[in-house]
């Protein structure tokens, strides 16, 4: 764990389940040896002892659970180093290193009491699901539209959980599916994520986007051009270099006076903290 340092900021977690959710996507259920402190929408660095020193950022897919367990959604990135190991090789009983959670731009605090438009691409659904659970735990009358984008119906890996959420909270939650490359689904569900999200966007909504770096970059240009105001747009952070993640956490620490110790001080030594929420070659 040299890349992130030792001490109270890094802990171990035992993998209790590793379920193949769809082609190339796994859902890992991890039981930390001590309870993790995080807020919905935050992300934390994860490392497998199979690849010491290589850390990747993942967001828990729920609010903190009473039993302390954490669920991560992992997509095996083509030519990636870490994510294929987490998806295809890590098994129940193995340990993972877990670093401290950090804000990556998905906190609901910035939205105030505004209604929400949550656009989730692929495994970017994980923090969005946690945000929906956060709203459910403290209802304040706000309405939430969750738009989930995948290429085809076979890529929709979390359909059961989405259906349960909408059934339980249908009075304020609307789930919209966007299929970018599936002509067999109903016409209203055909289209790319950002196009369908814009179609459902209402003035005054806080607009959150989480997914691949490519999606975030597209949202950065397309959404303001379509009229989404800068103060209502919230894009997940993407880390293209190890140093990027260290600088991001440093800024968050300064802005919010959150003590993260020295956990990322050496992240610029070539130790590969990769783009959130995926992986890098």
Protein backbone atom coordinates (compact mmCIF):
# COMPACT_ATOMS: atom_id res chain seq x y z
CA UNK A 1 0.00 0.00 0.00
CA UNK A 2 2.99 2.27 -0.40
CA UNK A 3 1.29 4.45 -2.98
CA UNK A 4 -1.30 5.64 -0.52
CA UNK A 5 0.66 5.30 2.68
CA UNK A 6 -0.08 3.33 5.83
CA UNK A 7 -1.91 4.10 9.00
CA UNK A 8 -5.53 4.86 9.90
CA UNK A 9 -6.51 6.19 6.46
CA UNK A 10 -6.13 2.85 4.67
CA UNK A 11 -7.97 -0.28 5.73
CA UNK A 12 -8.62 -3.77 4.43
CA UNK A 13 -11.92 -5.14 3.25
CA UNK A 14 -12.85 -8.76 2.59
CA UNK A 15 -14.60 -9.53 -0.69
CA UNK A 16 -17.78 -11.38 0.26
CA UNK A 17 -19.28 -11.65 -3.22
CA UNK A 18 -18.19 -11.01 -6.79
CA UNK A 19 -21.18 -11.31 -9.10
CA UNK A 20 -21.03 -11.10 -12.89
CA UNK A 21 -23.73 -8.49 -13.52
CA UNK A 22 -23.35 -8.30 -17.31
CA UNK A 23 -20.66 -8.85 -19.91
CA UNK A 24 -17.56 -7.21 -18.47
CA UNK A 25 -19.23 -5.80 -15.34
CA UNK A 26 -19.01 -7.21 -11.83
CA UNK A 27 -20.62 -6.16 -8.57
CA UNK A 28 -18.25 -6.57 -5.62
CA UNK A 29 -19.62 -6.70 -2.10
CA UNK A 30 -16.87 -5.86 0.40
CA UNK A 31 -16.92 -6.03 4.19
CA UNK A 32 -14.36 -3.55 5.58
CA UNK A 33 -12.44 -4.53 8.68
CA UNK A 34 -13.54 -1.21 10.15
CA UNK A 35 -16.50 0.93 9.20
CA UNK A 36 -15.78 3.31 6.33
CA UNK A 37 -16.75 6.95 6.56
CA UNK A 38 -18.14 8.32 3.33
CA UNK A 39 -21.01 10.34 1.91
CA UNK A 40 -23.19 9.25 -1.02
CA UNK A 41 -21.58 10.29 -4.29
CA UNK A 42 -18.04 10.19 -2.95
CA UNK A 43 -15.36 7.85 -4.31
CA UNK A 44 -12.51 5.98 -2.68
CA UNK A 45 -9.29 4.42 -4.01
CA UNK A 46 -9.28 0.62 -4.14
CA UNK A 47 -6.30 -1.71 -4.59
CA UNK A 48 -5.99 -5.48 -4.85
CA UNK A 49 -2.90 -7.17 -3.36
CA UNK A 50 -2.68 -8.99 -6.69
CA UNK A 51 -1.41 -5.66 -8.11
CA UNK A 52 0.25 -3.80 -5.23
CA UNK A 53 0.52 -0.05 -5.70
CA UNK A 54 -2.08 0.21 -8.46
CA UNK A 55 -5.12 2.08 -7.16
CA UNK A 56 -8.42 2.80 -8.92
CA UNK A 57 -11.28 5.05 -7.81
CA UNK A 58 -14.75 3.59 -7.24
CA UNK A 59 -17.93 4.95 -5.68
CA UNK A 60 -20.04 2.93 -3.25
CA UNK A 61 -23.41 2.14 -4.81
CA UNK A 62 -25.45 2.86 -1.69
CA UNK A 63 -25.65 5.06 1.35
CA UNK A 64 -23.58 3.69 4.27
CA UNK A 65 -25.21 0.44 5.34
CA UNK A 66 -25.91 -0.54 8.96
CA UNK A 67 -23.76 -3.66 8.53
CA UNK A 68 -20.87 -1.64 7.06
CA UNK A 69 -20.74 -3.55 3.78
CA UNK A 70 -19.87 -1.62 0.61
CA UNK A 71 -20.91 -2.43 -2.97
CA UNK A 72 -18.70 -1.46 -5.90
CA UNK A 73 -19.62 -1.67 -9.60
CA UNK A 74 -16.57 -2.47 -11.76
CA UNK A 75 -16.36 -2.52 -15.54
CA UNK A 76 -13.43 -4.34 -17.15
CA UNK A 77 -11.90 -1.65 -19.35
CA UNK A 78 -10.37 -2.96 -22.60
CA UNK A 79 -6.58 -3.07 -22.23
CA UNK A 80 -6.96 -2.02 -18.59
CA UNK A 81 -4.62 -3.34 -15.91
CA UNK A 82 -6.63 -3.35 -12.69
CA UNK A 83 -10.29 -3.52 -13.64
CA UNK A 84 -10.06 -6.87 -15.54
CA UNK A 85 -8.43 -8.40 -12.46
CA UNK A 86 -11.22 -7.11 -10.20
CA UNK A 87 -13.90 -8.37 -12.58
CA UNK A 88 -12.44 -11.69 -13.71
CA UNK A 89 -10.01 -12.91 -11.05
CA UNK A 90 -10.79 -11.52 -7.62
CA UNK A 91 -12.82 -14.05 -5.64
CA UNK A 92 -14.75 -14.14 -2.34
CA UNK A 93 -12.41 -14.33 0.62
CA UNK A 94 -9.74 -12.09 -0.89
CA UNK A 95 -8.77 -8.79 0.65
CA UNK A 96 -8.78 -5.33 -0.93
CA UNK A 97 -7.07 -2.19 0.31
CA UNK A 98 -9.50 0.71 0.70
CA UNK A 99 -8.37 4.32 0.91
CA UNK A 100 -10.25 7.33 2.33
CA UNK A 101 -13.30 8.65 0.53
CA UNK A 102 -13.13 12.00 -1.24
CA UNK A 103 -15.60 14.36 -2.89
CA UNK A 104 -15.47 13.99 -6.68
CA UNK A 105 -18.14 16.53 -7.56
CA UNK A 106 -21.21 14.37 -6.91
CA UNK A 107 -22.27 15.70 -3.51
CA UNK A 108 -25.93 16.71 -3.15
CA UNK A 109 -24.92 19.56 -0.86
CA UNK A 110 -24.14 21.70 -3.89
CA UNK A 111 -27.68 21.26 -5.24
CA UNK A 112 -29.44 22.76 -2.23
CA UNK A 113 -33.12 21.80 -2.38
CA UNK A 114 -33.35 21.73 -6.17
CA UNK A 115 -34.94 18.87 -8.07
CA UNK A 116 -32.40 16.50 -9.59
CA UNK A 117 -31.59 15.18 -13.05
CA UNK A 118 -29.07 12.35 -12.65
CA UNK A 119 -27.42 11.06 -15.84
CA UNK A 120 -25.51 7.82 -15.33
CA UNK A 121 -23.38 6.20 -18.01
CA UNK A 122 -22.44 2.55 -17.45
CA UNK A 123 -21.04 1.93 -13.97
CA UNK A 124 -21.42 5.66 -13.31
CA UNK A 125 -24.77 4.41 -12.03
CA UNK A 126 -23.18 3.44 -8.69
CA UNK A 127 -22.88 6.93 -7.13
CA UNK A 128 -26.21 7.99 -8.68
CA UNK A 129 -27.95 5.08 -6.99
CA UNK A 130 -26.40 6.18 -3.71
CA UNK A 131 -27.71 9.73 -4.26
CA UNK A 132 -31.22 8.38 -4.87
CA UNK A 133 -30.99 6.43 -1.62
CA UNK A 134 -29.83 9.59 0.15
CA UNK A 135 -32.90 11.47 -1.06
CA UNK A 136 -35.11 8.56 0.01
CA UNK A 137 -33.60 8.60 3.51
CA UNK A 138 -34.30 12.33 3.97
CA UNK A 139 -37.25 13.26 1.73
CA UNK A 140 -37.72 17.00 1.31
CA UNK A 141 -40.26 17.08 -1.51
CA UNK A 142 -37.73 17.20 -4.32
CA UNK A 143 -38.28 15.18 -7.48
CA UNK A 144 -35.56 13.06 -9.07
CA UNK A 145 -35.17 11.89 -12.65
CA UNK A 146 -32.54 9.18 -13.08
CA UNK A 147 -31.44 8.59 -16.69
CA UNK A 148 -29.36 5.44 -17.17
CA UNK A 149 -27.41 5.07 -20.42
CA UNK A 150 -26.03 1.80 -21.83
CA UNK A 151 -25.41 0.55 -25.39
CA UNK A 152 -27.92 -2.34 -25.39
CA UNK A 153 -30.47 -4.02 -23.17
CA UNK A 154 -27.92 -6.73 -22.36
CA UNK A 155 -25.65 -4.05 -20.88
CA UNK A 156 -28.26 -2.94 -18.33
CA UNK A 157 -26.68 -4.70 -15.37
CA UNK A 158 -28.66 -3.26 -12.42
CA UNK A 159 -32.23 -3.51 -13.72
CA UNK A 160 -33.63 -5.27 -10.63
CA UNK A 161 -32.31 -2.62 -8.23
CA UNK A 162 -33.58 0.18 -10.48
CA UNK A 163 -37.03 -1.38 -10.64
CA UNK A 164 -37.16 -1.73 -6.84
CA UNK A 165 -36.17 1.90 -6.38
CA UNK A 166 -38.84 3.14 -8.77
CA UNK A 167 -41.49 0.89 -7.25
CA UNK A 168 -40.65 2.10 -3.75
CA UNK A 169 -40.35 5.81 -4.60
CA UNK A 170 -42.45 6.31 -7.71
CA UNK A 171 -44.15 9.35 -6.20
CA UNK A 172 -40.94 11.37 -6.66
CA UNK A 173 -38.52 9.16 -8.65
CA UNK A 174 -38.62 8.60 -12.42
CA UNK A 175 -36.19 6.15 -14.03
CA UNK A 176 -35.46 6.65 -17.75
CA UNK A 177 -33.44 4.17 -19.81
CA UNK A 178 -31.33 5.26 -22.78
CA UNK A 179 -30.00 2.68 -25.24
CA UNK A 180 -27.49 4.11 -27.70
CA UNK A 181 -27.09 1.03 -29.90
CA UNK A 182 -30.20 -1.15 -29.61
CA UNK A 183 -32.90 -0.90 -32.27
CA UNK A 184 -35.00 -3.62 -30.62
CA UNK A 185 -36.09 -1.47 -27.67
CA UNK A 186 -39.01 0.92 -27.84
CA UNK A 187 -38.29 4.07 -29.86
CA UNK A 188 -38.62 6.40 -26.87
CA UNK A 189 -35.71 4.60 -25.20
CA UNK A 190 -33.40 4.81 -28.21
CA UNK A 191 -30.71 7.46 -28.11
CA UNK A 192 -27.55 8.49 -26.37
CA UNK A 193 -27.55 9.32 -22.68
CA UNK A 194 -27.01 13.07 -22.94
CA UNK A 195 -29.70 13.52 -25.61
CA UNK A 196 -32.34 11.74 -23.53
CA UNK A 197 -31.21 13.50 -20.38
CA UNK A 198 -31.62 16.86 -22.09
CA UNK A 199 -35.07 15.83 -23.31
CA UNK A 200 -36.17 15.18 -19.72
CA UNK A 201 -34.36 18.18 -18.23
CA UNK A 202 -36.50 20.84 -16.60
CA UNK A 203 -35.48 24.39 -15.70
CA UNK A 204 -34.31 24.62 -12.13
CA UNK A 205 -33.05 21.05 -11.90
CA UNK A 206 -29.54 20.32 -10.71
CA UNK A 207 -27.95 18.29 -13.50
CA UNK A 208 -25.46 15.58 -12.42
CA UNK A 209 -23.42 13.45 -14.84
CA UNK A 210 -21.22 10.48 -14.00
CA UNK A 211 -19.58 7.96 -16.31
CA UNK A 212 -16.52 7.53 -18.47
CA UNK A 213 -14.03 10.38 -19.04
CA UNK A 214 -15.31 10.55 -22.62
CA UNK A 215 -18.88 11.07 -21.40
CA UNK A 216 -17.81 13.76 -18.94
CA UNK A 217 -15.89 15.62 -21.63
CA UNK A 218 -18.90 15.47 -23.97
CA UNK A 219 -21.18 16.74 -21.20
CA UNK A 220 -18.79 19.59 -20.45
CA UNK A 221 -19.31 20.93 -23.98
CA UNK A 222 -22.82 19.79 -24.94
CA UNK A 223 -24.83 20.65 -21.86
CA UNK A 224 -23.90 24.35 -21.50
CA UNK A 225 -24.45 24.76 -25.25
CA UNK A 226 -27.94 23.28 -24.76
CA UNK A 227 -28.80 25.80 -22.06
CA UNK A 228 -27.80 24.02 -18.84
CA UNK A 229 -26.47 26.75 -16.56
CA UNK A 230 -23.01 26.46 -15.05
CA UNK A 231 -24.27 26.71 -11.48
CA UNK A 232 -26.65 23.78 -11.98
CA UNK A 233 -24.19 21.45 -13.74
CA UNK A 234 -22.25 18.91 -11.67
CA UNK A 235 -19.76 16.65 -13.47
CA UNK A 236 -17.85 13.81 -11.87
CA UNK A 237 -14.12 14.39 -11.63
CA UNK A 238 -11.90 12.42 -13.99
CA UNK A 239 -8.28 11.62 -13.23
CA UNK A 240 -6.10 11.05 -16.27
CA UNK A 241 -2.83 10.97 -14.33
CA UNK A 242 -1.73 9.93 -10.86
CA UNK A 243 -0.90 13.55 -10.05
CA UNK A 244 -4.41 14.67 -11.08
CA UNK A 245 -5.99 12.68 -8.28
CA UNK A 246 -3.50 13.96 -5.72
CA UNK A 247 -4.17 17.57 -6.72
CA UNK A 248 -7.93 17.02 -6.63
CA UNK A 249 -7.89 15.60 -3.12
CA UNK A 250 -5.55 18.38 -1.99
CA UNK A 251 -8.01 20.99 -3.25
CA UNK A 252 -10.91 19.25 -1.52
CA UNK A 253 -8.97 19.10 1.71
CA UNK A 254 -8.23 22.81 1.56
CA UNK A 255 -11.75 23.79 0.54
CA UNK A 256 -13.57 21.72 3.14
CA UNK A 257 -10.91 21.48 5.86
CA UNK A 258 -11.18 17.70 5.76
CA UNK A 259 -8.17 15.95 7.22
CA UNK A 260 -6.99 13.20 4.85
CA UNK A 261 -3.50 12.90 6.36
CA UNK A 262 -0.70 12.13 3.99
CA UNK A 263 -2.58 9.39 2.18
CA UNK A 264 -2.08 10.76 -1.34
CA UNK A 265 1.11 12.75 -0.89
CA UNK A 266 3.14 10.33 -3.01
CA UNK A 267 0.48 9.65 -5.66
CA UNK A 268 2.59 11.45 -8.25
CA UNK A 269 5.40 8.86 -8.07
CA UNK A 270 4.07 6.84 -11.00
CA UNK A 271 1.71 4.72 -8.97
CA UNK A 272 -1.27 4.95 -11.35
CA UNK A 273 -4.34 6.45 -9.76
CA UNK A 274 -6.50 6.15 -12.84
CA UNK A 275 -9.55 7.86 -14.35
CA UNK A 276 -12.66 7.68 -12.21
CA UNK A 277 -14.72 5.52 -12.38
CA UNK A 278 -12.91 3.22 -14.76
CA UNK A 279 -9.42 1.95 -15.41
CA UNK A 280 -6.42 2.82 -17.53
CA UNK A 281 -4.08 0.71 -19.60
